[in-house]
Every structure is written in C-alpha cells, then in structure tokens.
PDB file of N, CA and C in Angstrom:
ATOM      1  N   UNK A   1     168.122 106.123 119.384  1.00  0.00           N
ATOM      2  CA  UNK A   1     168.250 107.294 120.225  1.00  0.00           C
ATOM      3  C   UNK A   1     167.326 108.392 119.699  1.00  0.00           C
ATOM      4  N   UNK A   2     166.597 109.050 120.571  1.00  0.00           N
ATOM      5  CA  UNK A   2     165.702 110.130 120.182  1.00  0.00           C
ATOM      6  C   UNK A   2     166.479 111.421 119.943  1.00  0.00           C
ATOM      7  N   UNK A   3     166.121 112.088 118.878  1.00  0.00           N
ATOM      8  CA  UNK A   3     166.747 113.374 118.593  1.00  0.00           C
ATOM      9  C   UNK A   3     165.695 114.462 118.701  1.00  0.00           C
ATOM     10  N   UNK A   4     166.075 115.550 119.282  1.00  0.00           N
ATOM     11  CA  UNK A   4     165.151 116.675 119.433  1.00  0.00           C
ATOM     12  C   UNK A   4     165.096 117.463 118.130  1.00  0.00           C
ATOM     13  N   UNK A   5     163.909 117.885 117.764  1.00  0.00           N
ATOM     14  CA  UNK A   5     163.717 118.697 116.576  1.00  0.00           C
ATOM     15  C   UNK A   5     163.304 120.084 117.040  1.00  0.00           C
ATOM     16  N   UNK A   6     164.022 121.081 116.590  1.00  0.00           N
ATOM     17  CA  UNK A   6     163.735 122.467 116.979  1.00  0.00           C
ATOM     18  C   UNK A   6     163.192 123.222 115.776  1.00  0.00           C
ATOM     19  N   UNK A   7     162.163 123.972 116.005  1.00  0.00           N
ATOM     20  CA  UNK A   7     161.580 124.795 114.957  1.00  0.00           C
ATOM     21  C   UNK A   7     161.819 126.254 115.292  1.00  0.00           C
ATOM     22  N   UNK A   8     162.219 127.012 114.305  1.00  0.00           N
ATOM     23  CA  UNK A   8     162.414 128.450 114.496  1.00  0.00           C
ATOM     24  C   UNK A   8     161.134 129.163 114.097  1.00  0.00           C
ATOM     25  N   UNK A   9     160.659 130.042 114.947  1.00  0.00           N
ATOM     26  CA  UNK A   9     159.425 130.776 114.691  1.00  0.00           C
ATOM     27  C   UNK A   9     159.754 132.262 114.633  1.00  0.00           C
ATOM     28  N   UNK A  10     159.312 132.907 113.566  1.00  0.00           N
ATOM     29  CA  UNK A  10     159.507 134.345 113.434  1.00  0.00           C
ATOM     30  C   UNK A  10     158.353 135.046 114.137  1.00  0.00           C
ATOM     31  N   UNK A  11     158.655 135.776 115.182  1.00  0.00           N
ATOM     32  CA  UNK A  11     157.626 136.421 115.986  1.00  0.00           C
ATOM     33  C   UNK A  11     157.664 137.933 115.760  1.00  0.00           C
ATOM     34  N   UNK A  12     157.865 138.326 114.514  1.00  0.00           N
ATOM     35  CA  UNK A  12     157.959 139.758 114.236  1.00  0.00           C
ATOM     36  C   UNK A  12     156.605 140.435 114.339  1.00  0.00           C
ATOM     37  N   UNK A  13     155.527 139.722 113.995  1.00  0.00           N
ATOM     38  CA  UNK A  13     154.183 140.293 114.082  1.00  0.00           C
ATOM     39  C   UNK A  13     153.419 139.503 115.139  1.00  0.00           C
ATOM     40  N   UNK A  14     153.510 139.928 116.389  1.00  0.00           N
ATOM     41  CA  UNK A  14     152.912 139.168 117.473  1.00  0.00           C
ATOM     42  C   UNK A  14     151.640 139.811 118.006  1.00  0.00           C
ATOM     43  N   UNK A  15     151.026 140.713 117.240  1.00  0.00           N
ATOM     44  CA  UNK A  15     149.776 141.337 117.661  1.00  0.00           C
ATOM     45  C   UNK A  15     148.622 140.402 117.311  1.00  0.00           C
ATOM     46  N   UNK A  16     148.221 139.598 118.272  1.00  0.00           N
ATOM     47  CA  UNK A  16     147.233 138.549 118.032  1.00  0.00           C
ATOM     48  C   UNK A  16     145.880 139.147 117.670  1.00  0.00           C
ATOM     49  N   UNK A  17     145.478 140.204 118.360  1.00  0.00           N
ATOM     50  CA  UNK A  17     144.172 140.824 118.086  1.00  0.00           C
ATOM     51  C   UNK A  17     144.121 141.359 116.656  1.00  0.00           C
ATOM     52  N   UNK A  18     145.200 141.975 116.194  1.00  0.00           N
ATOM     53  CA  UNK A  18     145.240 142.486 114.826  1.00  0.00           C
ATOM     54  C   UNK A  18     145.163 141.338 113.822  1.00  0.00           C
ATOM     55  N   UNK A  19     145.844 140.240 114.110  1.00  0.00           N
ATOM     56  CA  UNK A  19     145.791 139.083 113.212  1.00  0.00           C
ATOM     57  C   UNK A  19     144.384 138.507 113.139  1.00  0.00           C
ATOM     58  N   UNK A  20     143.703 138.424 114.281  1.00  0.00           N
ATOM     59  CA  UNK A  20     142.338 137.908 114.297  1.00  0.00           C
ATOM     60  C   UNK A  20     141.414 138.841 113.531  1.00  0.00           C
ATOM     61  N   UNK A  21     141.586 140.153 113.724  1.00  0.00           N
ATOM     62  CA  UNK A  21     140.743 141.128 113.017  1.00  0.00           C
ATOM     63  C   UNK A  21     140.954 141.046 111.507  1.00  0.00           C
ATOM     64  N   UNK A  22     142.208 140.928 111.073  1.00  0.00           N
ATOM     65  CA  UNK A  22     142.480 140.817 109.637  1.00  0.00           C
ATOM     66  C   UNK A  22     141.883 139.530 109.064  1.00  0.00           C
ATOM     67  N   UNK A  23     141.985 138.451 109.813  1.00  0.00           N
ATOM     68  CA  UNK A  23     141.411 137.186 109.350  1.00  0.00           C
ATOM     69  C   UNK A  23     139.898 137.282 109.246  1.00  0.00           C
ATOM     70  N   UNK A  24     139.262 137.883 110.253  1.00  0.00           N
ATOM     71  CA  UNK A  24     137.811 138.038 110.250  1.00  0.00           C
ATOM     72  C   UNK A  24     137.363 138.938 109.104  1.00  0.00           C
ATOM     73  N   UNK A  25     138.085 140.058 108.878  1.00  0.00           N
ATOM     74  CA  UNK A  25     137.737 140.958 107.778  1.00  0.00           C
ATOM     75  C   UNK A  25     137.840 140.243 106.434  1.00  0.00           C
ATOM     76  N   UNK A  26     138.858 139.425 106.265  1.00  0.00           N
ATOM     77  CA  UNK A  26     138.989 138.652 105.034  1.00  0.00           C
ATOM     78  C   UNK A  26     137.884 137.621 104.891  1.00  0.00           C
ATOM     79  N   UNK A  27     137.494 137.008 106.004  1.00  0.00           N
ATOM     80  CA  UNK A  27     136.423 136.012 106.015  1.00  0.00           C
ATOM     81  C   UNK A  27     135.099 136.646 105.597  1.00  0.00           C
ATOM     82  N   UNK A  28     134.833 137.858 106.092  1.00  0.00           N
ATOM     83  CA  UNK A  28     133.580 138.542 105.774  1.00  0.00           C
ATOM     84  C   UNK A  28     133.616 139.116 104.359  1.00  0.00           C
ATOM     85  N   UNK A  29     134.718 139.782 103.987  1.00  0.00           N
ATOM     86  CA  UNK A  29     134.771 140.442 102.687  1.00  0.00           C
ATOM     87  C   UNK A  29     134.784 139.462 101.522  1.00  0.00           C
ATOM     88  N   UNK A  30     135.236 138.232 101.754  1.00  0.00           N
ATOM     89  CA  UNK A  30     135.256 137.248 100.674  1.00  0.00           C
ATOM     90  C   UNK A  30     133.908 136.551 100.492  1.00  0.00           C
ATOM     91  N   UNK A  31     132.968 136.802 101.394  1.00  0.00           N
ATOM     92  CA  UNK A  31     131.654 136.190 101.282  1.00  0.00           C
ATOM     93  C   UNK A  31     131.546 134.857 101.994  1.00  0.00           C
ATOM     94  N   UNK A  32     132.613 134.410 102.625  1.00  0.00           N
ATOM     95  CA  UNK A  32     132.580 133.121 103.297  1.00  0.00           C
ATOM     96  C   UNK A  32     131.681 133.134 104.524  1.00  0.00           C
ATOM     97  N   UNK A  33     131.520 134.297 105.154  1.00  0.00           N
ATOM     98  CA  UNK A  33     130.650 134.381 106.328  1.00  0.00           C
ATOM     99  C   UNK A  33     129.198 134.128 105.921  1.00  0.00           C
ATOM    100  N   UNK A  34     128.786 134.738 104.806  1.00  0.00           N
ATOM    101  CA  UNK A  34     127.411 134.515 104.335  1.00  0.00           C
ATOM    102  C   UNK A  34     127.216 133.073 103.892  1.00  0.00           C
ATOM    103  N   UNK A  35     128.218 132.508 103.253  1.00  0.00           N
ATOM    104  CA  UNK A  35     128.121 131.110 102.822  1.00  0.00           C
ATOM    105  C   UNK A  35     128.026 130.181 104.028  1.00  0.00           C
ATOM    106  N   UNK A  36     128.782 130.471 105.083  1.00  0.00           N
ATOM    107  CA  UNK A  36     128.721 129.646 106.287  1.00  0.00           C
ATOM    108  C   UNK A  36     127.356 129.758 106.958  1.00  0.00           C
ATOM    109  N   UNK A  37     126.832 130.973 107.029  1.00  0.00           N
ATOM    110  CA  UNK A  37     125.512 131.183 107.622  1.00  0.00           C
ATOM    111  C   UNK A  37     124.435 130.461 106.820  1.00  0.00           C
ATOM    112  N   UNK A  38     124.501 130.573 105.499  1.00  0.00           N
ATOM    113  CA  UNK A  38     123.553 129.875 104.641  1.00  0.00           C
ATOM    114  C   UNK A  38     123.680 128.365 104.808  1.00  0.00           C
ATOM    115  N   UNK A  39     124.900 127.868 104.904  1.00  0.00           N
ATOM    116  CA  UNK A  39     125.122 126.433 105.062  1.00  0.00           C
ATOM    117  C   UNK A  39     124.570 125.905 106.371  1.00  0.00           C
ATOM    118  N   UNK A  40     124.730 126.669 107.442  1.00  0.00           N
ATOM    119  CA  UNK A  40     124.187 126.247 108.738  1.00  0.00           C
ATOM    120  C   UNK A  40     122.667 126.227 108.689  1.00  0.00           C
ATOM    121  N   UNK A  41     122.055 127.286 108.135  1.00  0.00           N
ATOM    122  CA  UNK A  41     120.598 127.352 108.043  1.00  0.00           C
ATOM    123  C   UNK A  41     120.062 126.237 107.141  1.00  0.00           C
ATOM    124  N   UNK A  42     120.700 126.031 105.997  1.00  0.00           N
ATOM    125  CA  UNK A  42     120.264 124.997 105.065  1.00  0.00           C
ATOM    126  C   UNK A  42     120.378 123.614 105.704  1.00  0.00           C
ATOM    127  N   UNK A  43     121.480 123.360 106.379  1.00  0.00           N
ATOM    128  CA  UNK A  43     121.670 122.077 107.049  1.00  0.00           C
ATOM    129  C   UNK A  43     120.656 121.846 108.151  1.00  0.00           C
ATOM    130  N   UNK A  44     120.324 122.902 108.879  1.00  0.00           N
ATOM    131  CA  UNK A  44     119.321 122.788 109.934  1.00  0.00           C
ATOM    132  C   UNK A  44     117.962 122.411 109.354  1.00  0.00           C
ATOM    133  N   UNK A  45     117.559 123.089 108.275  1.00  0.00           N
ATOM    134  CA  UNK A  45     116.255 122.800 107.689  1.00  0.00           C
ATOM    135  C   UNK A  45     116.211 121.427 107.026  1.00  0.00           C
ATOM    136  N   UNK A  46     117.298 121.028 106.387  1.00  0.00           N
ATOM    137  CA  UNK A  46     117.328 119.697 105.790  1.00  0.00           C
ATOM    138  C   UNK A  46     117.230 118.630 106.880  1.00  0.00           C
ATOM    139  N   UNK A  47     117.936 118.828 107.983  1.00  0.00           N
ATOM    140  CA  UNK A  47     117.873 117.865 109.085  1.00  0.00           C
ATOM    141  C   UNK A  47     116.476 117.831 109.700  1.00  0.00           C
ATOM    142  N   UNK A  48     115.845 118.997 109.831  1.00  0.00           N
ATOM    143  CA  UNK A  48     114.503 119.059 110.419  1.00  0.00           C
ATOM    144  C   UNK A  48     113.465 118.355 109.529  1.00  0.00           C
ATOM    145  N   UNK A  49     113.554 118.601 108.205  1.00  0.00           N
ATOM    146  CA  UNK A  49     112.537 118.075 107.313  1.00  0.00           C
ATOM    147  C   UNK A  49     112.775 116.616 106.930  1.00  0.00           C
ATOM    148  N   UNK A  50     113.975 116.108 107.142  1.00  0.00           N
ATOM    149  CA  UNK A  50     114.243 114.717 106.766  1.00  0.00           C
ATOM    150  C   UNK A  50     114.253 113.779 107.960  1.00  0.00           C
ATOM    151  N   UNK A  51     114.102 114.315 109.167  1.00  0.00           N
ATOM    152  CA  UNK A  51     114.091 113.431 110.328  1.00  0.00           C
ATOM    153  C   UNK A  51     112.651 113.010 110.631  1.00  0.00           C
ATOM    154  N   UNK A  52     112.506 111.840 111.161  1.00  0.00           N
ATOM    155  CA  UNK A  52     111.194 111.320 111.481  1.00  0.00           C
ATOM    156  C   UNK A  52     110.925 111.535 112.954  1.00  0.00           C
ATOM    157  N   UNK A  53     109.810 112.159 113.238  1.00  0.00           N
ATOM    158  CA  UNK A  53     109.403 112.322 114.628  1.00  0.00           C
ATOM    159  C   UNK A  53     109.563 113.640 115.135  1.00  0.00           C
TER     160      UNK A  53
END
C-alpha cells in the first residue's frame, strides 16, 4: 500500500526577489562570479585551440 509523505515548509521568508539578490551578492562578493567568467573564457579558448578545423 502506498503511503503519502508530507513535508512541512517554513514560509516565513517568502520574498523571492530578496533571496535572489542576497544569493547574487554572495556569489559576487565571494569571487565566484569572476571565477565562473574566467572558467568560461578559459574553456572557450581551450576548445578553440584544441579542435581541428
């Protein structure tokens, strides 16, 4: 017999825009944004220079 599983979610902070802004600010202030940009550029150049044709 299947049993239903219920999850309780605390929705005390439901301001989605504020959560996204805080996440983005943390992403930028920790240096991860620059690392991601460098990784994309580095990967692009490695793919360009190692592909034939």
